[in-house]
Amino acid sequence: MNKVPNMISTKDLSYLSDIFEWHFVASKKCMHYASETTDEEIKQTLEKIANMHANYCQKIVNLLNQGGQQNE
């Protein structure tokens, strides 16, 4: 299936919620550890990883907001 249906099952929504939560927590933890480290290379790497996880969260939100309105 290439597009999101107008209605998703509660099981699918639960799974998307879990995925969102995993990425959200990972992003928050990476940002926390980045703020705690003094090594600039590690700090930049952790911030990059945090942003990657935050982008995944945004993609999930966008996917749910678009719902069946996608024109792919």
PDB file of N, CA and C in Angstrom:
ATOM      1  N   MET A   1       0.853  -1.160   0.000  1.00  0.00           N
ATOM      2  CA  MET A   1       0.000   0.000   0.000  1.00  0.00           C
ATOM      3  C   MET A   1       0.909   1.237   0.000  1.00  0.00           C
ATOM      4  N   ASN A   2       0.673   2.151  -0.926  1.00  0.00           N
ATOM      5  CA  ASN A   2       1.519   3.327  -1.072  1.00  0.00           C
ATOM      6  C   ASN A   2       0.966   4.579  -0.414  1.00  0.00           C
ATOM      7  N   LYS A   3      -0.232   4.523   0.103  1.00  0.00           N
ATOM      8  CA  LYS A   3      -0.771   5.703   0.768  1.00  0.00           C
ATOM      9  C   LYS A   3      -1.543   5.298   2.017  1.00  0.00           C
ATOM     10  N   VAL A   4      -1.684   6.269   2.897  1.00  0.00           N
ATOM     11  CA  VAL A   4      -2.361   6.015   4.159  1.00  0.00           C
ATOM     12  C   VAL A   4      -3.866   6.003   3.919  1.00  0.00           C
ATOM     13  N   PRO A   5      -4.547   4.984   4.416  1.00  0.00           N
ATOM     14  CA  PRO A   5      -6.003   4.959   4.246  1.00  0.00           C
ATOM     15  C   PRO A   5      -6.674   6.038   5.089  1.00  0.00           C
ATOM     16  N   ASN A   6      -7.922   6.360   4.764  1.00  0.00           N
ATOM     17  CA  ASN A   6      -8.659   7.365   5.525  1.00  0.00           C
ATOM     18  C   ASN A   6      -8.804   6.966   6.988  1.00  0.00           C
ATOM     19  N   MET A   7      -8.829   5.684   7.241  1.00  0.00           N
ATOM     20  CA  MET A   7      -9.011   5.187   8.597  1.00  0.00           C
ATOM     21  C   MET A   7      -8.007   4.065   8.835  1.00  0.00           C
ATOM     22  N   ILE A   8      -7.313   4.122   9.982  1.00  0.00           N
ATOM     23  CA  ILE A   8      -6.383   3.045  10.309  1.00  0.00           C
ATOM     24  C   ILE A   8      -6.908   2.299  11.528  1.00  0.00           C
ATOM     25  N   SER A   9      -6.488   1.072  11.645  1.00  0.00           N
ATOM     26  CA  SER A   9      -6.969   0.245  12.750  1.00  0.00           C
ATOM     27  C   SER A   9      -6.346   0.699  14.069  1.00  0.00           C
ATOM     28  N   THR A  10      -6.967   0.301  15.147  1.00  0.00           N
ATOM     29  CA  THR A  10      -6.424   0.639  16.463  1.00  0.00           C
ATOM     30  C   THR A  10      -5.075  -0.039  16.677  1.00  0.00           C
ATOM     31  N   LYS A  11      -4.902  -1.218  16.090  1.00  0.00           N
ATOM     32  CA  LYS A  11      -3.621  -1.913  16.202  1.00  0.00           C
ATOM     33  C   LYS A  11      -2.531  -1.123  15.470  1.00  0.00           C
ATOM     34  N   ASP A  12      -2.845  -0.628  14.268  1.00  0.00           N
ATOM     35  CA  ASP A  12      -1.878   0.184  13.526  1.00  0.00           C
ATOM     36  C   ASP A  12      -1.561   1.472  14.277  1.00  0.00           C
ATOM     37  N   LEU A  13      -2.571   2.108  14.824  1.00  0.00           N
ATOM     38  CA  LEU A  13      -2.362   3.344  15.574  1.00  0.00           C
ATOM     39  C   LEU A  13      -1.503   3.085  16.811  1.00  0.00           C
ATOM     40  N   SER A  14      -1.737   1.973  17.462  1.00  0.00           N
ATOM     41  CA  SER A  14      -0.941   1.609  18.634  1.00  0.00           C
ATOM     42  C   SER A  14       0.520   1.396  18.239  1.00  0.00           C
ATOM     43  N   TYR A  15       0.738   0.736  17.109  1.00  0.00           N
ATOM     44  CA  TYR A  15       2.095   0.491  16.636  1.00  0.00           C
ATOM     45  C   TYR A  15       2.769   1.810  16.271  1.00  0.00           C
ATOM     46  N   LEU A  16       2.065   2.700  15.569  1.00  0.00           N
ATOM     47  CA  LEU A  16       2.629   4.003  15.224  1.00  0.00           C
ATOM     48  C   LEU A  16       2.941   4.814  16.483  1.00  0.00           C
ATOM     49  N   SER A  17       2.079   4.704  17.469  1.00  0.00           N
ATOM     50  CA  SER A  17       2.308   5.386  18.739  1.00  0.00           C
ATOM     51  C   SER A  17       3.579   4.868  19.414  1.00  0.00           C
ATOM     52  N   ASP A  18       3.765   3.565  19.398  1.00  0.00           N
ATOM     53  CA  ASP A  18       4.976   2.972  19.968  1.00  0.00           C
ATOM     54  C   ASP A  18       6.221   3.451  19.226  1.00  0.00           C
ATOM     55  N   ILE A  19       6.173   3.438  17.907  1.00  0.00           N
ATOM     56  CA  ILE A  19       7.316   3.881  17.105  1.00  0.00           C
ATOM     57  C   ILE A  19       7.645   5.338  17.430  1.00  0.00           C
ATOM     58  N   PHE A  20       6.589   6.166  17.476  1.00  0.00           N
ATOM     59  CA  PHE A  20       6.798   7.576  17.798  1.00  0.00           C
ATOM     60  C   PHE A  20       7.465   7.711  19.161  1.00  0.00           C
ATOM     61  N   GLU A  21       6.979   6.982  20.133  1.00  0.00           N
ATOM     62  CA  GLU A  21       7.518   7.057  21.497  1.00  0.00           C
ATOM     63  C   GLU A  21       8.983   6.633  21.539  1.00  0.00           C
ATOM     64  N   TRP A  22       9.341   5.568  20.814  1.00  0.00           N
ATOM     65  CA  TRP A  22      10.732   5.110  20.789  1.00  0.00           C
ATOM     66  C   TRP A  22      11.649   6.208  20.251  1.00  0.00           C
ATOM     67  N   HIS A  23      11.238   6.791  19.139  1.00  0.00           N
ATOM     68  CA  HIS A  23      12.061   7.837  18.532  1.00  0.00           C
ATOM     69  C   HIS A  23      12.107   9.095  19.407  1.00  0.00           C
ATOM     70  N   PHE A  24      10.981   9.450  20.016  1.00  0.00           N
ATOM     71  CA  PHE A  24      10.924  10.629  20.869  1.00  0.00           C
ATOM     72  C   PHE A  24      11.864  10.470  22.061  1.00  0.00           C
ATOM     73  N   VAL A  25      11.807   9.327  22.715  1.00  0.00           N
ATOM     74  CA  VAL A  25      12.659   9.067  23.876  1.00  0.00           C
ATOM     75  C   VAL A  25      14.134   9.052  23.458  1.00  0.00           C
ATOM     76  N   ALA A  26      14.434   8.417  22.341  1.00  0.00           N
ATOM     77  CA  ALA A  26      15.819   8.371  21.863  1.00  0.00           C
ATOM     78  C   ALA A  26      16.340   9.774  21.577  1.00  0.00           C
ATOM     79  N   SER A  27      15.511  10.600  20.972  1.00  0.00           N
ATOM     80  CA  SER A  27      15.904  11.976  20.678  1.00  0.00           C
ATOM     81  C   SER A  27      16.177  12.755  21.961  1.00  0.00           C
ATOM     82  N   LYS A  28      15.268  12.645  22.925  1.00  0.00           N
ATOM     83  CA  LYS A  28      15.435  13.356  24.193  1.00  0.00           C
ATOM     84  C   LYS A  28      16.691  12.894  24.937  1.00  0.00           C
ATOM     85  N   LYS A  29      16.935  11.593  24.959  1.00  0.00           N
ATOM     86  CA  LYS A  29      18.121  11.075  25.652  1.00  0.00           C
ATOM     87  C   LYS A  29      19.406  11.552  24.979  1.00  0.00           C
ATOM     88  N   CYS A  30      19.428  11.531  23.661  1.00  0.00           N
ATOM     89  CA  CYS A  30      20.626  11.990  22.953  1.00  0.00           C
ATOM     90  C   CYS A  30      20.887  13.466  23.217  1.00  0.00           C
ATOM     91  N   MET A  31      19.832  14.281  23.234  1.00  0.00           N
ATOM     92  CA  MET A  31      20.011  15.699  23.520  1.00  0.00           C
ATOM     93  C   MET A  31      20.503  15.895  24.961  1.00  0.00           C
ATOM     94  N   HIS A  32      19.985  15.102  25.873  1.00  0.00           N
ATOM     95  CA  HIS A  32      20.436  15.203  27.261  1.00  0.00           C
ATOM     96  C   HIS A  32      21.920  14.861  27.368  1.00  0.00           C
ATOM     97  N   TYR A  33      22.315  13.737  26.773  1.00  0.00           N
ATOM     98  CA  TYR A  33      23.714  13.327  26.868  1.00  0.00           C
ATOM     99  C   TYR A  33      24.626  14.288  26.117  1.00  0.00           C
ATOM    100  N   ALA A  34      24.137  14.870  25.039  1.00  0.00           N
ATOM    101  CA  ALA A  34      24.928  15.866  24.310  1.00  0.00           C
ATOM    102  C   ALA A  34      25.196  17.082  25.195  1.00  0.00           C
ATOM    103  N   SER A  35      24.216  17.451  26.001  1.00  0.00           N
ATOM    104  CA  SER A  35      24.400  18.612  26.882  1.00  0.00           C
ATOM    105  C   SER A  35      25.325  18.295  28.060  1.00  0.00           C
ATOM    106  N   GLU A  36      25.506  17.023  28.348  1.00  0.00           N
ATOM    107  CA  GLU A  36      26.340  16.605  29.480  1.00  0.00           C
ATOM    108  C   GLU A  36      27.810  16.398  29.107  1.00  0.00           C
ATOM    109  N   THR A  37      28.102  16.200  27.843  1.00  0.00           N
ATOM    110  CA  THR A  37      29.474  15.877  27.446  1.00  0.00           C
ATOM    111  C   THR A  37      30.282  17.135  27.151  1.00  0.00           C
ATOM    112  N   THR A  38      31.578  17.020  27.328  1.00  0.00           N
ATOM    113  CA  THR A  38      32.477  18.126  27.019  1.00  0.00           C
ATOM    114  C   THR A  38      33.236  17.882  25.721  1.00  0.00           C
ATOM    115  N   ASP A  39      33.200  16.657  25.226  1.00  0.00           N
ATOM    116  CA  ASP A  39      33.877  16.321  23.968  1.00  0.00           C
ATOM    117  C   ASP A  39      33.013  16.817  22.806  1.00  0.00           C
ATOM    118  N   GLU A  40      33.543  17.750  22.036  1.00  0.00           N
ATOM    119  CA  GLU A  40      32.776  18.392  20.971  1.00  0.00           C
ATOM    120  C   GLU A  40      32.357  17.406  19.874  1.00  0.00           C
ATOM    121  N   GLU A  41      33.205  16.463  19.531  1.00  0.00           N
ATOM    122  CA  GLU A  41      32.879  15.486  18.490  1.00  0.00           C
ATOM    123  C   GLU A  41      31.710  14.597  18.925  1.00  0.00           C
ATOM    124  N   ILE A  42      31.764  14.145  20.168  1.00  0.00           N
ATOM    125  CA  ILE A  42      30.672  13.317  20.698  1.00  0.00           C
ATOM    126  C   ILE A  42      29.390  14.132  20.784  1.00  0.00           C
ATOM    127  N   LYS A  43      29.518  15.372  21.221  1.00  0.00           N
ATOM    128  CA  LYS A  43      28.358  16.249  21.331  1.00  0.00           C
ATOM    129  C   LYS A  43      27.682  16.424  19.971  1.00  0.00           C
ATOM    130  N   GLN A  44      28.460  16.692  18.930  1.00  0.00           N
ATOM    131  CA  GLN A  44      27.907  16.869  17.586  1.00  0.00           C
ATOM    132  C   GLN A  44      27.252  15.593  17.075  1.00  0.00           C
ATOM    133  N   THR A  45      27.879  14.471  17.358  1.00  0.00           N
ATOM    134  CA  THR A  45      27.317  13.181  16.923  1.00  0.00           C
ATOM    135  C   THR A  45      25.988  12.910  17.622  1.00  0.00           C
ATOM    136  N   LEU A  46      25.935  13.144  18.921  1.00  0.00           N
ATOM    137  CA  LEU A  46      24.692  12.938  19.670  1.00  0.00           C
ATOM    138  C   LEU A  46      23.591  13.890  19.189  1.00  0.00           C
ATOM    139  N   GLU A  47      23.941  15.124  18.896  1.00  0.00           N
ATOM    140  CA  GLU A  47      22.951  16.075  18.381  1.00  0.00           C
ATOM    141  C   GLU A  47      22.441  15.643  17.014  1.00  0.00           C
ATOM    142  N   LYS A  48      23.335  15.124  16.189  1.00  0.00           N
ATOM    143  CA  LYS A  48      22.941  14.628  14.865  1.00  0.00           C
ATOM    144  C   LYS A  48      21.965  13.451  15.007  1.00  0.00           C
ATOM    145  N   ILE A  49      22.262  12.553  15.917  1.00  0.00           N
ATOM    146  CA  ILE A  49      21.384  11.402  16.155  1.00  0.00           C
ATOM    147  C   ILE A  49      20.045  11.861  16.718  1.00  0.00           C
ATOM    148  N   ALA A  50      20.078  12.816  17.634  1.00  0.00           N
ATOM    149  CA  ALA A  50      18.839  13.355  18.208  1.00  0.00           C
ATOM    150  C   ALA A  50      17.969  13.965  17.116  1.00  0.00           C
ATOM    151  N   ASN A  51      18.568  14.715  16.218  1.00  0.00           N
ATOM    152  CA  ASN A  51      17.818  15.324  15.115  1.00  0.00           C
ATOM    153  C   ASN A  51      17.238  14.279  14.174  1.00  0.00           C
ATOM    154  N   MET A  52      17.993  13.197  13.951  1.00  0.00           N
ATOM    155  CA  MET A  52      17.496  12.124  13.100  1.00  0.00           C
ATOM    156  C   MET A  52      16.224  11.519  13.703  1.00  0.00           C
ATOM    157  N   HIS A  53      16.250  11.256  15.004  1.00  0.00           N
ATOM    158  CA  HIS A  53      15.076  10.688  15.666  1.00  0.00           C
ATOM    159  C   HIS A  53      13.916  11.681  15.691  1.00  0.00           C
ATOM    160  N   ALA A  54      14.212  12.955  15.890  1.00  0.00           N
ATOM    161  CA  ALA A  54      13.164  13.983  15.877  1.00  0.00           C
ATOM    162  C   ALA A  54      12.527  14.068  14.486  1.00  0.00           C
ATOM    163  N   ASN A  55      13.329  13.903  13.448  1.00  0.00           N
ATOM    164  CA  ASN A  55      12.788  13.914  12.076  1.00  0.00           C
ATOM    165  C   ASN A  55      11.848  12.734  11.852  1.00  0.00           C
ATOM    166  N   TYR A  56      12.192  11.575  12.398  1.00  0.00           N
ATOM    167  CA  TYR A  56      11.297  10.420  12.286  1.00  0.00           C
ATOM    168  C   TYR A  56       9.968  10.698  12.985  1.00  0.00           C
ATOM    169  N   CYS A  57      10.042  11.342  14.149  1.00  0.00           N
ATOM    170  CA  CYS A  57       8.804  11.710  14.854  1.00  0.00           C
ATOM    171  C   CYS A  57       7.956  12.630  13.985  1.00  0.00           C
ATOM    172  N   GLN A  58       8.591  13.601  13.364  1.00  0.00           N
ATOM    173  CA  GLN A  58       7.858  14.543  12.521  1.00  0.00           C
ATOM    174  C   GLN A  58       7.242  13.837  11.316  1.00  0.00           C
ATOM    175  N   LYS A  59       7.953  12.882  10.758  1.00  0.00           N
ATOM    176  CA  LYS A  59       7.418  12.122   9.621  1.00  0.00           C
ATOM    177  C   LYS A  59       6.168  11.338  10.027  1.00  0.00           C
ATOM    178  N   ILE A  60       6.181  10.766  11.213  1.00  0.00           N
ATOM    179  CA  ILE A  60       5.019  10.022  11.696  1.00  0.00           C
ATOM    180  C   ILE A  60       3.834  10.967  11.885  1.00  0.00           C
ATOM    181  N   VAL A  61       4.082  12.122  12.485  1.00  0.00           N
ATOM    182  CA  VAL A  61       3.015  13.106  12.682  1.00  0.00           C
ATOM    183  C   VAL A  61       2.465  13.566  11.336  1.00  0.00           C
ATOM    184  N   ASN A  62       3.349  13.865  10.384  1.00  0.00           N
ATOM    185  CA  ASN A  62       2.907  14.286   9.054  1.00  0.00           C
ATOM    186  C   ASN A  62       2.088  13.199   8.372  1.00  0.00           C
ATOM    187  N   LEU A  63       2.521  11.976   8.515  1.00  0.00           N
ATOM    188  CA  LEU A  63       1.810  10.845   7.917  1.00  0.00           C
ATOM    189  C   LEU A  63       0.400  10.746   8.473  1.00  0.00           C
ATOM    190  N   LEU A  64       0.275  10.880   9.774  1.00  0.00           N
ATOM    191  CA  LEU A  64      -1.044  10.794  10.405  1.00  0.00           C
ATOM    192  C   LEU A  64      -1.909  12.009  10.060  1.00  0.00           C
ATOM    193  N   ASN A  65      -1.297  13.173   9.954  1.00  0.00           N
ATOM    194  CA  ASN A  65      -2.059  14.377   9.609  1.00  0.00           C
ATOM    195  C   ASN A  65      -2.577  14.328   8.182  1.00  0.00           C
ATOM    196  N   GLN A  66      -1.797  13.733   7.281  1.00  0.00           N
ATOM    197  CA  GLN A  66      -2.209  13.656   5.883  1.00  0.00           C
ATOM    198  C   GLN A  66      -3.305  12.622   5.680  1.00  0.00           C
ATOM    199  N   GLY A  67      -3.211  11.534   6.427  1.00  0.00           N
ATOM    200  CA  GLY A  67      -4.219  10.475   6.323  1.00  0.00           C
ATOM    201  C   GLY A  67      -4.488  10.080   4.892  1.00  0.00           C
ATOM    202  N   GLY A  68      -5.719  10.005   4.520  1.00  0.00           N
ATOM    203  CA  GLY A  68      -6.107   9.606   3.162  1.00  0.00           C
ATOM    204  C   GLY A  68      -6.030  10.728   2.158  1.00  0.00           C
ATOM    205  N   GLN A  69      -5.458  11.854   2.543  1.00  0.00           N
ATOM    206  CA  GLN A  69      -5.363  12.992   1.645  1.00  0.00           C
ATOM    207  C   GLN A  69      -4.136  12.965   0.770  1.00  0.00           C
ATOM    208  N   GLN A  70      -3.291  11.969   0.913  1.00  0.00           N
ATOM    209  CA  GLN A  70      -2.082  11.874   0.106  1.00  0.00           C
ATOM    210  C   GLN A  70      -2.439  11.610  -1.339  1.00  0.00           C
ATOM    211  N   ASN A  71      -1.675  12.182  -2.225  1.00  0.00           N
ATOM    212  CA  ASN A  71      -1.898  11.989  -3.657  1.00  0.00           C
ATOM    213  C   ASN A  71      -0.689  11.332  -4.307  1.00  0.00           C
ATOM    214  N   GLU A  72      -0.269  10.200  -3.783  1.00  0.00           N
ATOM    215  CA  GLU A  72       0.888   9.509  -4.330  1.00  0.00           C
ATOM    216  C   GLU A  72       0.450   8.472  -5.328  1.00  0.00           C
TER     217      GLU A  72
END
